[in-house]
């Protein structure tokens, strides 16, 4: 497993939960590669006991000569003493002339594959994008305001050498491991960051920043909601990559955004949205479950630091970046919640007073009447919902337990909204779409009565015209002898044999039907064909 997962070219980065497991892993790895004639060298560990038994030529030189216990592993600086990830940023203060080439070169020197410095890096990206909009050549000097802004930012870069991130993000005794992702956007940039929330058996919670990504906003002007949606897609892609790399014991994933518009788009069928939005919503719905997306206030969103960017000095002062918002280390009841449907409480309380009062008194009591078959219950917001047997289904909570709607003007507005959202669909289709989130009482009749008031639908499907029929003819209403006045029609053809002989061929005949206009008596006559002579013969 280590050979498949933890090797990159000729470097191996691996570990174990205990010293015994690590020593056993080291021994097995050496013996396995020795079969292929390969010798692993430059061993380093965060515990010296793990290096016992190795020859001096196989141990990293820095450990032998007693230098600082910092190493570069695949370009990332690792401190083996406290098992942390560091950064080594060096600047050239003697540079007098600053150009676009200089800024591009200095930005590229900050190697941050995990995106742990995303708020700082994106600030430099914004500045570089600004240079492109000014259409400066590579060796052209910067304008005074840009020069001042870059000089201030560049002089603070050495402060990043004081930043430390713990390498270990998962503890062995974890009872549950959750993945929480945050996204945000501004006019200049958008980004996403992912945290691991580890819960110990005693209920203690650790949160650690795992990775982050940032992107500058496109030069073509976009609305903030569209940029927020791009940030949500970036988070969905980043979380998918993380879940593939991490062990499979992630018990839960939660995605946070401070845009209610994006939350609405994610919970909407893509075919009703415009192309730009629909394409990204489709991809988000394929990579994540819509029920995992939740709302977070902007002030608690760590991804907001990416969207605005930070100077190194402000980055060091930030307390939310490494561990996420404070409530993430508390039980779920303290997490922010956003209820998009408080309006339904008003008609519910008016129309279903008895049921709500009964369930408030005893949530396990049985409700009688029209709602009895729905097995209703009150959720945490005291919204009346349908019960049922779908609690273990992976469907969203709102679809498993739709909100019960009485007959009211609010219900009519919700029905009208779903009708328009589904492009003026019919009664059955609108009712189906409605029941994904709501359960109207006497739903079919409520939907039908609302849809018949839709002007556009009435124009497209007008009701049938009822023509005024003329007076009945005198022969129909005058008393007379049977068959004085008759109506005649033909039926057929029928095929009969002229005789009962075995091989006699069949001939085609018709039946003339004579109906008395006065008493509706019927008389049938056989007719040989459709000619006038045959009809006269039948008379």
Protein backbone atom coordinates (compact mmCIF):
# COMPACT_ATOMS: atom_id res chain seq x y z
CA UNK A 1 0.00 0.00 0.00
CA UNK A 2 2.86 2.40 0.83
CA UNK A 3 4.49 1.72 -2.56
CA UNK A 4 1.28 2.64 -4.35
CA UNK A 5 0.20 5.61 -2.27
CA UNK A 6 3.20 7.25 -0.59
CA UNK A 7 5.93 7.15 -3.28
CA UNK A 8 6.63 10.06 -5.60
CA UNK A 9 9.40 9.20 -8.11
CA UNK A 10 12.26 8.13 -5.74
CA UNK A 11 10.98 9.84 -2.57
CA UNK A 12 8.71 8.23 0.00
CA UNK A 13 6.66 10.20 2.54
CA UNK A 14 4.79 7.97 4.94
CA UNK A 15 4.07 7.46 8.62
CA UNK A 16 2.21 5.44 11.25
CA UNK A 17 0.14 5.99 14.38
CA UNK A 18 2.64 4.39 16.81
CA UNK A 19 6.41 3.90 17.05
CA UNK A 20 6.11 0.12 16.77
CA UNK A 21 4.02 0.41 13.61
CA UNK A 22 6.50 2.92 12.14
CA UNK A 23 9.51 0.68 12.89
CA UNK A 24 7.74 -2.34 11.44
CA UNK A 25 6.83 -0.32 8.33
CA UNK A 26 10.45 0.86 7.96
CA UNK A 27 11.79 -2.71 8.18
CA UNK A 28 9.28 -4.12 5.70
CA UNK A 29 9.94 -1.29 3.25
CA UNK A 30 13.73 -1.80 3.37
CA UNK A 31 13.43 -5.56 2.88
CA UNK A 32 10.93 -5.23 0.06
CA UNK A 33 13.00 -2.75 -1.95
CA UNK A 34 16.19 -4.71 -1.27
CA UNK A 35 14.69 -7.52 -3.36
CA UNK A 36 14.85 -5.14 -6.31
CA UNK A 37 18.38 -3.98 -5.45
CA UNK A 38 17.18 -0.60 -4.18
CA UNK A 39 18.52 1.04 -1.02
CA UNK A 40 16.60 3.80 0.75
CA UNK A 41 18.79 6.64 1.97
CA UNK A 42 18.46 10.04 3.70
CA UNK A 43 16.09 8.72 6.37
CA UNK A 44 14.50 11.38 8.61
CA UNK A 45 11.83 11.13 11.28
CA UNK A 46 10.23 13.21 14.02
CA UNK A 47 11.51 10.69 16.60
CA UNK A 48 15.20 9.69 16.77
CA UNK A 49 14.31 6.18 18.02
CA UNK A 50 12.86 5.37 14.61
CA UNK A 51 16.34 5.80 13.07
CA UNK A 52 18.08 3.30 15.32
CA UNK A 53 19.63 0.40 13.50
CA UNK A 54 20.28 2.40 10.32
CA UNK A 55 23.80 3.01 9.07
CA UNK A 56 25.11 6.57 9.11
CA UNK A 57 25.24 6.72 5.33
CA UNK A 58 21.49 6.03 5.19
CA UNK A 59 20.54 8.83 7.61
CA UNK A 60 19.99 12.41 6.46
CA UNK A 61 23.20 14.45 6.72
CA UNK A 62 21.55 17.26 8.70
CA UNK A 63 20.75 14.87 11.54
CA UNK A 64 24.33 13.59 11.63
CA UNK A 65 26.06 16.95 11.92
CA UNK A 66 23.48 18.40 14.32
CA UNK A 67 22.12 21.15 12.08
CA UNK A 68 18.59 22.51 12.25
CA UNK A 69 16.04 19.73 11.99
CA UNK A 70 14.31 21.22 8.96
CA UNK A 71 14.20 19.35 5.68
CA UNK A 72 12.69 19.88 2.28
CA UNK A 73 10.33 17.09 1.33
CA UNK A 74 9.14 17.46 -2.25
CA UNK A 75 9.86 21.18 -1.97
CA UNK A 76 7.89 21.63 1.27
CA UNK A 77 9.89 22.63 4.37
CA UNK A 78 9.31 20.18 7.24
CA UNK A 79 10.51 20.61 10.81
CA UNK A 80 11.07 17.13 12.23
CA UNK A 81 11.44 18.42 15.80
CA UNK A 82 7.83 19.57 16.24
CA UNK A 83 6.44 17.86 13.11
CA UNK A 84 5.28 21.04 11.41
CA UNK A 85 5.27 22.58 7.94
CA UNK A 86 7.26 25.80 7.57
CA UNK A 87 8.06 28.31 4.83
CA UNK A 88 11.39 29.76 3.84
CA UNK A 89 10.93 33.07 2.03
CA UNK A 90 13.95 35.18 1.05
CA UNK A 91 13.78 38.61 -0.56
CA UNK A 92 16.24 40.78 -2.43
CA UNK A 93 15.98 44.24 -0.83
CA UNK A 94 18.68 45.70 -3.10
CA UNK A 95 16.50 45.53 -6.23
CA UNK A 96 15.99 49.12 -7.34
CA UNK A 97 14.01 48.71 -10.55
CA UNK A 98 10.79 46.70 -10.26
CA UNK A 99 9.07 45.39 -13.38
CA UNK A 100 6.34 42.92 -14.22
CA UNK A 101 9.04 40.30 -14.77
CA UNK A 102 10.40 40.95 -11.28
CA UNK A 103 7.00 40.53 -9.62
CA UNK A 104 6.25 37.32 -11.56
CA UNK A 105 9.60 35.89 -10.53
CA UNK A 106 9.17 36.74 -6.84
CA UNK A 107 5.65 35.28 -6.72
CA UNK A 108 6.86 32.02 -8.26
CA UNK A 109 9.54 31.66 -5.57
CA UNK A 110 6.89 31.08 -2.89
CA UNK A 111 6.28 27.35 -3.22
CA UNK A 112 2.92 26.51 -1.66
CA UNK A 113 1.41 23.35 -3.22
CA UNK A 114 -1.08 22.89 -0.36
CA UNK A 115 -2.39 26.45 -0.60
CA UNK A 116 -1.82 27.12 3.11
CA UNK A 117 -0.71 30.67 2.25
CA UNK A 118 -3.61 31.26 -0.16
CA UNK A 119 -4.74 34.64 1.32
CA UNK A 120 -1.21 36.03 0.91
CA UNK A 121 -0.51 34.52 -2.51
CA UNK A 122 -3.81 35.72 -3.98
CA UNK A 123 -2.95 39.30 -3.01
CA UNK A 124 0.15 39.07 -5.23
CA UNK A 125 -1.93 37.46 -8.00
CA UNK A 126 -4.35 40.39 -7.89
CA UNK A 127 -1.47 42.81 -8.26
CA UNK A 128 -0.03 40.88 -11.18
CA UNK A 129 -3.43 40.80 -12.91
CA UNK A 130 -3.62 44.56 -12.50
CA UNK A 131 -0.31 44.88 -14.35
CA UNK A 132 -1.75 42.91 -17.25
CA UNK A 133 -4.76 45.24 -17.44
CA UNK A 134 -2.33 48.18 -17.62
CA UNK A 135 -0.70 46.44 -20.63
CA UNK A 136 2.85 46.94 -19.37
CA UNK A 137 5.79 45.23 -21.05
CA UNK A 138 7.87 42.74 -19.09
CA UNK A 139 10.76 45.15 -18.55
CA UNK A 140 8.74 48.35 -18.20
CA UNK A 141 8.85 50.18 -14.87
CA UNK A 142 5.74 50.13 -12.70
CA UNK A 143 3.49 53.15 -12.07
CA UNK A 144 4.15 54.91 -8.77
CA UNK A 145 1.03 53.64 -6.96
CA UNK A 146 1.67 50.01 -8.00
CA UNK A 147 5.35 50.34 -7.08
CA UNK A 148 4.40 51.54 -3.59
CA UNK A 149 1.84 48.79 -3.08
CA UNK A 150 4.27 46.06 -4.18
CA UNK A 151 7.15 47.42 -2.10
CA UNK A 152 5.02 47.39 1.04
CA UNK A 153 3.80 43.86 0.33
CA UNK A 154 7.26 42.56 -0.63
CA UNK A 155 8.93 43.94 2.49
CA UNK A 156 6.54 41.91 4.66
CA UNK A 157 7.14 38.55 2.94
CA UNK A 158 9.90 37.45 5.39
CA UNK A 159 7.21 37.42 8.09
CA UNK A 160 5.93 34.19 6.51
CA UNK A 161 9.00 32.44 7.92
CA UNK A 162 7.25 32.66 11.31
CA UNK A 163 4.20 30.70 10.12
CA UNK A 164 3.78 27.09 11.24
CA UNK A 165 1.18 24.54 10.24
CA UNK A 166 0.93 21.17 12.06
CA UNK A 167 1.61 18.31 9.68
CA UNK A 168 -0.57 15.85 11.57
CA UNK A 169 -4.26 16.43 10.90
CA UNK A 170 -5.85 13.12 11.98
CA UNK A 171 -5.54 11.49 15.40
CA UNK A 172 -5.60 7.72 15.83
CA UNK A 173 -8.30 7.65 18.53
CA UNK A 174 -10.77 9.70 16.49
CA UNK A 175 -14.38 8.60 16.91
CA UNK A 176 -15.50 10.63 13.88
CA UNK A 177 -13.71 12.57 11.17
CA UNK A 178 -15.61 15.25 9.27
CA UNK A 179 -14.56 17.28 6.24
CA UNK A 180 -15.70 20.92 6.18
CA UNK A 181 -15.19 23.12 3.14
CA UNK A 182 -15.66 26.89 2.84
CA UNK A 183 -15.89 29.06 -0.28
CA UNK A 184 -16.26 32.76 -1.00
CA UNK A 185 -15.76 35.30 -3.78
CA UNK A 186 -15.29 39.00 -4.39
CA UNK A 187 -14.96 41.16 -7.49
CA UNK A 188 -11.22 40.41 -7.64
CA UNK A 189 -10.80 36.78 -6.52
CA UNK A 190 -12.50 33.65 -5.27
CA UNK A 191 -11.27 30.64 -3.37
CA UNK A 192 -11.98 27.62 -1.19
CA UNK A 193 -10.42 25.99 1.86
CA UNK A 194 -10.91 22.57 3.45
CA UNK A 195 -10.66 21.65 7.13
CA UNK A 196 -10.69 18.33 8.98
CA UNK A 197 -12.85 18.21 12.10
CA UNK A 198 -11.78 15.33 14.35
CA UNK A 199 -13.96 14.24 17.27
CA UNK A 200 -12.37 12.19 20.07
CA UNK A 201 -14.32 9.55 22.05
CA UNK A 202 -14.51 11.96 25.00
CA UNK A 203 -16.14 14.60 22.77
CA UNK A 204 -13.08 16.83 22.39
CA UNK A 205 -12.83 18.41 18.93
CA UNK A 206 -9.77 19.33 16.83
CA UNK A 207 -9.94 21.33 13.62
CA UNK A 208 -7.04 21.65 11.20
CA UNK A 209 -6.60 23.41 7.87
CA UNK A 210 -5.89 20.77 5.25
CA UNK A 211 -5.61 22.61 1.94
CA UNK A 212 -6.86 25.66 0.04
CA UNK A 213 -7.02 27.06 -3.48
CA UNK A 214 -7.38 30.55 -4.87
CA UNK A 215 -8.09 32.09 -8.26
CA UNK A 216 -8.28 35.66 -9.46
CA UNK A 217 -11.57 36.72 -11.01
CA UNK A 218 -11.67 36.78 -14.82
CA UNK A 219 -11.01 40.09 -16.53
CA UNK A 220 -14.45 39.94 -18.11
CA UNK A 221 -16.80 41.43 -15.57
CA UNK A 222 -18.97 38.90 -13.73
CA UNK A 223 -21.70 39.36 -11.15
CA UNK A 224 -20.86 38.49 -7.55
CA UNK A 225 -23.36 35.57 -7.44
CA UNK A 226 -21.69 34.01 -10.50
CA UNK A 227 -18.26 34.40 -8.92
CA UNK A 228 -19.64 32.88 -5.72
CA UNK A 229 -20.89 29.94 -7.80
CA UNK A 230 -17.42 29.56 -9.34
CA UNK A 231 -16.04 29.47 -5.80
CA UNK A 232 -18.54 26.75 -4.87
CA UNK A 233 -17.47 24.70 -7.89
CA UNK A 234 -13.82 25.18 -6.89
CA UNK A 235 -14.69 23.87 -3.42
CA UNK A 236 -16.55 20.86 -4.83
CA UNK A 237 -13.56 19.95 -7.02
CA UNK A 238 -11.07 20.49 -4.18
CA UNK A 239 -13.14 18.38 -1.76
CA UNK A 240 -13.40 15.57 -4.32
CA UNK A 241 -9.60 15.52 -4.67
CA UNK A 242 -9.14 15.53 -0.89
CA UNK A 243 -11.62 12.68 -0.35
CA UNK A 244 -9.77 10.57 -2.91
CA UNK A 245 -6.45 11.15 -1.12
CA UNK A 246 -7.65 10.70 2.47
CA UNK A 247 -8.59 7.41 4.17
CA UNK A 248 -12.13 6.24 3.55
CA UNK A 249 -13.28 6.79 7.14
CA UNK A 250 -14.59 10.33 6.59
CA UNK A 251 -17.98 10.16 8.29
CA UNK A 252 -19.45 13.40 6.99
CA UNK A 253 -18.87 16.25 4.56
CA UNK A 254 -20.26 19.77 4.97
CA UNK A 255 -19.86 22.63 2.49
CA UNK A 256 -20.33 26.23 3.64
CA UNK A 257 -21.08 29.35 1.59
CA UNK A 258 -22.29 32.81 2.57
CA UNK A 259 -24.31 33.24 -0.64
CA UNK A 260 -28.02 32.38 -0.35
CA UNK A 261 -28.34 32.74 -4.13
CA UNK A 262 -25.76 29.98 -4.67
CA UNK A 263 -27.55 27.76 -2.14
CA UNK A 264 -30.78 28.25 -4.09
CA UNK A 265 -29.08 27.44 -7.40
CA UNK A 266 -27.50 24.27 -5.99
CA UNK A 267 -30.92 23.05 -4.82
CA UNK A 268 -32.55 23.84 -8.18
CA UNK A 269 -32.90 21.61 -11.22
CA UNK A 270 -30.22 22.76 -13.73
CA UNK A 271 -32.54 22.70 -16.76
CA UNK A 272 -34.42 25.71 -15.36
CA UNK A 273 -31.26 27.84 -15.09
CA UNK A 274 -29.24 29.83 -17.62
CA UNK A 275 -26.35 28.10 -19.38
CA UNK A 276 -23.49 29.57 -17.31
CA UNK A 277 -25.18 28.73 -14.02
CA UNK A 278 -26.66 25.41 -15.16
CA UNK A 279 -23.29 24.03 -16.28
CA UNK A 280 -21.64 24.74 -12.94
CA UNK A 281 -24.63 23.63 -10.86
CA UNK A 282 -24.70 20.32 -12.74
CA UNK A 283 -21.04 19.71 -11.95
CA UNK A 284 -21.52 20.65 -8.28
CA UNK A 285 -24.50 18.30 -7.97
CA UNK A 286 -22.46 15.49 -9.54
CA UNK A 287 -19.55 15.95 -7.11
CA UNK A 288 -21.47 16.68 -3.90
CA UNK A 289 -24.83 16.02 -2.24
CA UNK A 290 -27.06 19.08 -2.23
CA UNK A 291 -28.09 18.31 1.36
CA UNK A 292 -24.46 18.85 2.48
CA UNK A 293 -24.49 22.55 1.56
CA UNK A 294 -25.17 25.03 4.36
CA UNK A 295 -25.18 28.76 4.98
CA UNK A 296 -22.51 30.61 6.98
CA UNK A 297 -22.31 34.34 7.85
CA UNK A 298 -19.55 36.21 6.03
CA UNK A 299 -17.87 37.17 9.30
CA UNK A 300 -17.35 33.47 10.15
CA UNK A 301 -16.18 32.39 6.70
CA UNK A 302 -12.39 31.72 6.54
CA UNK A 303 -12.58 31.68 2.72
CA UNK A 304 -13.41 35.40 2.93
CA UNK A 305 -9.69 35.93 3.61
CA UNK A 306 -8.92 34.40 0.21
CA UNK A 307 -11.49 36.45 -1.68
CA UNK A 308 -10.13 39.73 -0.27
CA UNK A 309 -6.47 38.77 0.03
CA UNK A 310 -4.17 39.61 2.94
CA UNK A 311 -0.79 41.12 3.50
CA UNK A 312 1.71 38.88 5.37
CA UNK A 313 1.35 41.08 8.44
CA UNK A 314 -2.45 40.73 8.53
CA UNK A 315 -2.12 37.01 7.81
CA UNK A 316 -0.05 36.47 10.96
CA UNK A 317 -2.70 38.24 13.03
CA UNK A 318 -5.54 36.10 11.69
CA UNK A 319 -6.93 33.55 14.16
CA UNK A 320 -9.60 31.99 11.97
CA UNK A 321 -7.40 30.71 9.14
CA UNK A 322 -5.61 27.75 10.73
CA UNK A 323 -8.52 26.32 12.73
CA UNK A 324 -11.65 27.72 11.11
CA UNK A 325 -14.48 29.51 12.96
CA UNK A 326 -14.69 29.00 16.73
CA UNK A 327 -18.08 27.27 16.62
CA UNK A 328 -16.58 24.51 14.45
CA UNK A 329 -14.94 23.17 17.61
CA UNK A 330 -18.30 23.11 19.40
CA UNK A 331 -21.33 20.75 19.13
CA UNK A 332 -23.52 21.09 16.06
CA UNK A 333 -26.32 22.85 17.94
CA UNK A 334 -24.06 25.93 18.08
CA UNK A 335 -23.47 26.00 14.32
CA UNK A 336 -25.11 28.74 12.25
CA UNK A 337 -28.41 27.81 10.65
CA UNK A 338 -30.40 29.42 7.91
CA UNK A 339 -34.07 28.59 7.48
CA UNK A 340 -35.38 29.58 4.02
CA UNK A 341 -39.03 28.72 4.76
CA UNK A 342 -40.18 30.57 7.91
CA UNK A 343 -43.14 32.02 5.98
CA UNK A 344 -45.00 28.69 6.05
CA UNK A 345 -45.29 28.93 9.84
CA UNK A 346 -48.04 31.55 9.54
CA UNK A 347 -50.61 29.54 7.53
CA UNK A 348 -49.66 26.37 9.40
CA UNK A 349 -50.36 27.94 12.78
CA UNK A 350 -53.71 29.27 11.56
CA UNK A 351 -54.94 26.13 9.77
CA UNK A 352 -53.33 23.34 11.83
CA UNK A 353 -53.49 24.83 15.32
CA UNK A 354 -54.73 21.66 16.99
CA UNK A 355 -52.11 19.40 15.36
CA UNK A 356 -49.22 21.73 16.17
CA UNK A 357 -50.40 22.20 19.76
CA UNK A 358 -50.70 18.42 20.18
CA UNK A 359 -47.20 17.77 18.85
CA UNK A 360 -45.70 20.57 20.94
CA UNK A 361 -47.14 18.93 24.05
CA UNK A 362 -46.00 15.43 23.12
CA UNK A 363 -43.91 14.90 19.98
CA UNK A 364 -44.69 11.16 20.05
CA UNK A 365 -48.47 11.58 20.22
CA UNK A 366 -50.60 10.50 17.26
CA UNK A 367 -52.41 13.21 15.30
CA UNK A 368 -55.97 12.44 14.26
CA UNK A 369 -58.03 13.72 11.37
CA UNK A 370 -56.91 14.45 7.80
CA UNK A 371 -53.22 14.53 8.74
CA UNK A 372 -53.23 11.16 10.50
CA UNK A 373 -52.09 9.16 7.47
CA UNK A 374 -49.15 11.55 6.94
CA UNK A 375 -47.66 10.74 10.37
CA UNK A 376 -46.69 14.42 10.87
CA UNK A 377 -43.99 15.72 13.19
CA UNK A 378 -42.46 19.09 14.16
CA UNK A 379 -38.86 19.75 13.13
CA UNK A 380 -36.36 21.84 15.11
CA UNK A 381 -37.92 25.04 13.70
CA UNK A 382 -41.42 23.80 14.64
CA UNK A 383 -42.39 23.36 11.00
CA UNK A 384 -44.99 20.64 10.43
CA UNK A 385 -43.54 17.95 8.16
CA UNK A 386 -44.57 14.59 6.70
CA UNK A 387 -43.23 11.57 8.60
CA UNK A 388 -42.89 8.26 6.77
CA UNK A 389 -40.30 5.51 6.57
CA UNK A 390 -37.54 7.19 4.54
CA UNK A 391 -35.29 8.30 7.40
CA UNK A 392 -32.37 6.16 6.18
CA UNK A 393 -32.69 7.27 2.54
CA UNK A 394 -29.80 9.31 1.03
CA UNK A 395 -32.35 11.79 -0.36
CA UNK A 396 -32.27 15.37 0.96
CA UNK A 397 -34.13 15.93 4.24
CA UNK A 398 -36.65 18.27 2.59
CA UNK A 399 -37.56 15.57 0.07
CA UNK A 400 -37.86 12.78 2.65
CA UNK A 401 -39.96 14.95 4.96
CA UNK A 402 -41.73 17.68 2.92
CA UNK A 403 -43.42 20.60 4.67
CA UNK A 404 -47.18 20.19 5.08
CA UNK A 405 -49.06 23.11 3.50
CA UNK A 406 -52.72 23.90 4.28
CA UNK A 407 -55.08 25.65 1.90
CA UNK A 408 -53.94 29.28 2.01
CA UNK A 409 -52.77 32.18 -0.11
CA UNK A 410 -49.15 31.36 0.78
CA UNK A 411 -49.62 27.83 -0.58
CA UNK A 412 -51.06 29.28 -3.79
CA UNK A 413 -47.98 31.49 -4.19
CA UNK A 414 -45.66 28.50 -3.67
CA UNK A 415 -47.62 26.50 -6.26
CA UNK A 416 -47.44 29.40 -8.71
CA UNK A 417 -43.67 29.66 -8.16
CA UNK A 418 -43.15 25.94 -8.90
CA UNK A 419 -45.43 26.22 -11.93
CA UNK A 420 -43.35 29.06 -13.39
CA UNK A 421 -40.08 27.39 -12.39
CA UNK A 422 -41.06 24.30 -14.40
CA UNK A 423 -41.98 26.31 -17.51
CA UNK A 424 -45.77 26.29 -17.04
CA UNK A 425 -45.99 22.55 -16.50
CA UNK A 426 -49.33 20.80 -16.14
CA UNK A 427 -51.17 19.86 -12.97
CA UNK A 428 -49.47 16.49 -12.44
CA UNK A 429 -45.95 17.72 -13.26
CA UNK A 430 -46.32 20.78 -11.02
CA UNK A 431 -47.61 18.63 -8.16
CA UNK A 432 -44.64 16.27 -8.56
CA UNK A 433 -42.15 19.16 -8.47
CA UNK A 434 -43.95 20.69 -5.49
CA UNK A 435 -43.83 17.47 -3.46
CA UNK A 436 -40.04 17.42 -3.56
CA UNK A 437 -40.16 20.05 -0.80
CA UNK A 438 -43.81 20.54 0.18
CA UNK A 439 -46.92 18.42 0.73
CA UNK A 440 -50.08 20.48 0.14
CA UNK A 441 -53.29 19.13 1.65
CA UNK A 442 -55.65 18.06 -1.16
CA UNK A 443 -52.72 18.82 -3.43
CA UNK A 444 -54.19 17.98 -6.82
CA UNK A 445 -57.22 20.21 -6.38
CA UNK A 446 -55.10 23.06 -4.97
CA UNK A 447 -52.70 22.88 -7.91
CA UNK A 448 -55.53 22.65 -10.45
CA UNK A 449 -57.39 25.64 -8.99
CA UNK A 450 -54.18 27.72 -9.02
CA UNK A 451 -53.13 26.73 -12.54
CA UNK A 452 -56.50 27.52 -14.09
CA UNK A 453 -55.87 31.18 -13.17
CA UNK A 454 -52.60 31.27 -15.16
CA UNK A 455 -53.20 33.63 -18.10
CA UNK A 456 -50.43 32.21 -20.29
CA UNK A 457 -51.66 28.64 -19.83
CA UNK A 458 -55.23 29.69 -20.66
CA UNK A 459 -54.01 31.31 -23.89
CA UNK A 460 -51.96 28.26 -24.86
CA UNK A 461 -54.68 25.75 -23.91
CA UNK A 462 -58.05 27.52 -24.12
CA UNK A 463 -61.09 25.64 -22.79
CA UNK A 464 -63.22 23.90 -25.47
CA UNK A 465 -65.97 26.03 -27.02
CA UNK A 466 -69.53 24.87 -26.30
CA UNK A 467 -71.55 25.46 -29.46
CA UNK A 468 -75.28 26.28 -29.22
CA UNK A 469 -77.16 23.53 -31.00
CA UNK A 470 -80.06 24.28 -33.36
CA UNK A 471 -83.72 23.26 -32.89
CA UNK A 472 -84.64 19.62 -33.42
CA UNK A 473 -86.39 18.83 -36.73
CA UNK A 474 -90.18 18.40 -36.64
CA UNK A 475 -89.93 14.67 -37.48
CA UNK A 476 -88.05 14.11 -34.18
CA UNK A 477 -90.71 15.65 -31.97
CA UNK A 478 -93.97 14.87 -33.85
CA UNK A 479 -96.02 11.85 -32.80
CA UNK A 480 -96.33 9.37 -35.71
CA UNK A 481 -96.41 5.67 -36.55
CA UNK A 482 -93.09 3.78 -36.34
CA UNK A 483 -90.81 4.16 -39.36
CA UNK A 484 -92.85 7.02 -40.81
CA UNK A 485 -89.66 9.05 -40.74
CA UNK A 486 -86.35 7.25 -40.55
CA UNK A 487 -82.62 7.85 -40.50
CA UNK A 488 -80.48 5.51 -42.61
CA UNK A 489 -76.84 4.48 -42.30
CA UNK A 490 -74.61 1.66 -43.46
CA UNK A 491 -72.21 -0.53 -41.49
CA UNK A 492 -69.71 -3.11 -42.68
CA UNK A 493 -68.40 -4.59 -44.84
CA UNK A 494 -69.01 -8.16 -43.66
CA UNK A 495 -67.89 -11.35 -45.41
CA UNK A 496 -70.39 -14.22 -45.77
CA UNK A 497 -70.79 -17.41 -47.75
CA UNK A 498 -73.68 -17.68 -50.20
CA UNK A 499 -74.10 -21.36 -49.26
CA UNK A 500 -72.81 -23.73 -46.59
CA UNK A 501 -70.62 -25.62 -49.02
CA UNK A 502 -67.09 -26.27 -47.72
CA UNK A 503 -65.07 -24.48 -50.39
CA UNK A 504 -67.55 -21.78 -51.26
CA UNK A 505 -65.85 -18.36 -51.54
CA UNK A 506 -66.89 -15.44 -49.35
CA UNK A 507 -68.61 -12.36 -50.71
CA UNK A 508 -68.66 -8.82 -49.32
CA UNK A 509 -71.98 -7.46 -48.00
CA UNK A 510 -73.17 -4.47 -45.97
CA UNK A 511 -75.96 -3.82 -43.48
CA UNK A 512 -78.40 -0.94 -43.87
CA UNK A 513 -79.61 0.42 -40.54
CA UNK A 514 -83.05 2.07 -40.42
CA UNK A 515 -83.76 4.07 -37.25
CA UNK A 516 -87.20 5.50 -36.53
CA UNK A 517 -86.89 9.20 -35.71
CA UNK A 518 -89.91 9.12 -33.42
CA UNK A 519 -89.53 6.00 -31.27
CA UNK A 520 -85.87 5.03 -32.04
CA UNK A 521 -86.87 1.58 -33.28
CA UNK A 522 -84.15 -0.12 -35.36
CA UNK A 523 -84.52 -2.30 -38.46
CA UNK A 524 -81.59 -4.02 -40.26
CA UNK A 525 -81.45 -5.07 -43.93
CA UNK A 526 -78.70 -6.95 -45.78
CA UNK A 527 -77.33 -5.08 -48.82
CA UNK A 528 -75.14 -6.74 -51.46
CA UNK A 529 -73.10 -3.63 -52.33
CA UNK A 530 -73.02 0.17 -52.12
CA UNK A 531 -74.89 0.88 -55.37
CA UNK A 532 -78.20 2.68 -55.61
CA UNK A 533 -79.83 -0.45 -57.10
CA UNK A 534 -78.85 -2.54 -54.07
CA UNK A 535 -80.18 0.14 -51.68
CA UNK A 536 -83.50 0.34 -53.53
CA UNK A 537 -83.75 -3.45 -53.41
CA UNK A 538 -83.24 -3.31 -49.62
CA UNK A 539 -86.10 -0.86 -49.25
